Protein backbone atom coordinates (compact mmCIF):
# COMPACT_ATOMS: atom_id res chain seq x y z
CA MET A 1 14.68 34.08 -43.10
CA ALA A 2 12.15 32.35 -40.79
CA GLU A 3 13.97 29.07 -41.41
CA GLU A 4 17.24 30.60 -40.28
CA ALA A 5 15.61 31.74 -37.02
CA LYS A 6 14.34 28.20 -36.33
CA GLU A 7 17.78 26.73 -36.91
CA ALA A 8 19.42 29.30 -34.63
CA LYS A 9 17.69 27.82 -31.59
CA SER A 10 19.77 25.78 -29.20
CA PRO A 11 19.18 22.02 -29.10
CA SER A 12 17.41 22.25 -25.73
CA GLU A 13 15.00 24.87 -27.07
CA LYS A 14 14.06 22.59 -29.94
CA TYR A 15 12.77 19.88 -27.57
CA ASP A 16 11.48 21.82 -24.56
CA THR A 17 8.49 23.48 -26.17
CA PRO A 18 6.08 21.78 -28.54
CA THR A 19 5.68 23.29 -32.01
CA GLU A 20 2.33 24.14 -33.58
CA GLY A 21 0.09 21.09 -33.88
CA GLU A 22 2.21 19.12 -31.42
CA SER A 23 0.84 18.39 -27.98
CA LEU A 24 2.69 17.55 -24.81
CA LEU A 25 1.37 13.99 -24.99
CA SER A 26 3.23 13.33 -28.21
CA ASN A 27 6.50 14.18 -26.49
CA PRO A 28 8.53 11.01 -25.73
CA ASN A 29 9.17 12.27 -22.19
CA SER A 30 5.42 12.44 -21.57
CA ASP A 31 5.08 8.80 -22.65
CA ALA A 32 7.85 7.78 -20.26
CA GLN A 33 6.23 9.79 -17.48
CA GLY A 34 2.89 8.14 -18.19
CA GLN A 35 4.46 4.70 -18.02
CA LEU A 36 6.21 5.60 -14.78
CA ALA A 37 2.97 6.92 -13.29
CA ALA A 38 1.16 3.72 -14.31
CA ALA A 39 3.92 1.58 -12.79
CA VAL A 40 3.80 3.57 -9.54
CA ASP A 41 0.00 3.29 -9.41
CA ASP A 42 0.23 -0.47 -9.95
CA LEU A 43 2.85 -0.79 -7.21
CA LEU A 44 0.73 1.25 -4.80
CA ASN A 45 -2.31 -0.92 -5.54
CA GLN A 46 -0.26 -4.06 -4.88
CA LEU A 47 1.04 -2.64 -1.60
CA GLN A 48 -2.47 -1.64 -0.54
CA SER A 49 -3.73 -5.15 -1.28
CA LYS A 50 -0.91 -6.75 0.69
CA PHE A 51 -1.46 -4.35 3.58
CA ASP A 52 -5.16 -5.21 3.64
CA ASN A 53 -4.36 -8.95 3.69
CA VAL A 54 -1.85 -8.56 6.52
CA SER A 55 -4.32 -6.44 8.50
CA LYS A 56 -7.04 -9.09 8.09
CA GLU A 57 -4.64 -11.82 9.22
CA MET A 58 -3.54 -9.81 12.24
CA PHE A 59 -7.10 -9.05 13.33
CA GLY A 60 -8.01 -12.72 12.86
CA LYS A 61 -5.10 -13.82 15.02
CA LEU A 62 -5.92 -11.21 17.67
CA ASP A 63 -9.53 -12.43 17.76
CA ASP A 64 -8.31 -16.01 18.10
CA MET A 65 -5.93 -15.03 20.90
CA THR A 66 -8.75 -13.19 22.71
CA ARG A 67 -10.98 -16.25 22.46
CA ARG A 68 -8.24 -18.55 23.75
CA LEU A 69 -7.45 -16.20 26.65
CA ASP A 70 -11.13 -16.08 27.59
CA GLU A 71 -11.25 -19.88 27.56
CA LEU A 72 -8.09 -20.07 29.70
CA GLU A 73 -9.50 -17.56 32.16
CA ALA A 74 -12.77 -19.52 32.41
CA SER A 75 -10.83 -22.75 32.88
CA LEU A 76 -8.65 -21.25 35.63
CA THR A 77 -11.71 -19.82 37.37
CA ALA A 78 -13.45 -23.20 37.19
CA ASN A 79 -10.37 -25.01 38.53
CA SER A 80 -10.01 -22.44 41.30
CA ASN A 81 -13.65 -22.93 42.35
CA ASP A 82 -13.31 -26.74 42.18
CA SER A 83 -10.16 -26.83 44.27
CA ALA A 84 -11.61 -24.43 46.85
CA SER A 85 -14.69 -26.61 47.31
CA ALA A 86 -12.65 -29.84 47.35
CA THR A 87 -10.24 -28.67 50.07
CA PRO A 88 -11.22 -30.05 53.44
CA THR A 89 -11.74 -27.49 56.16
CA LYS A 90 -10.24 -28.04 59.60
């Protein structure tokens, strides 16, 4: 009679709940979910790495631009002082 009660379950009931001795990890859906979670984690790690590299490149270029602007400003100031002292006064 207990066997008849087990067979009377609908197909979805057979797979939704684990039977005695069966864990959720042995369920094929759990394996697929674990693989998906691992793939998502890997993708997030790759994106984080790429973001870090782009950030480093941007800060490096900004530092270089700052240095070049400082040099240009110093050059313009020096040229301005040279031309002011070289201009004859009337």
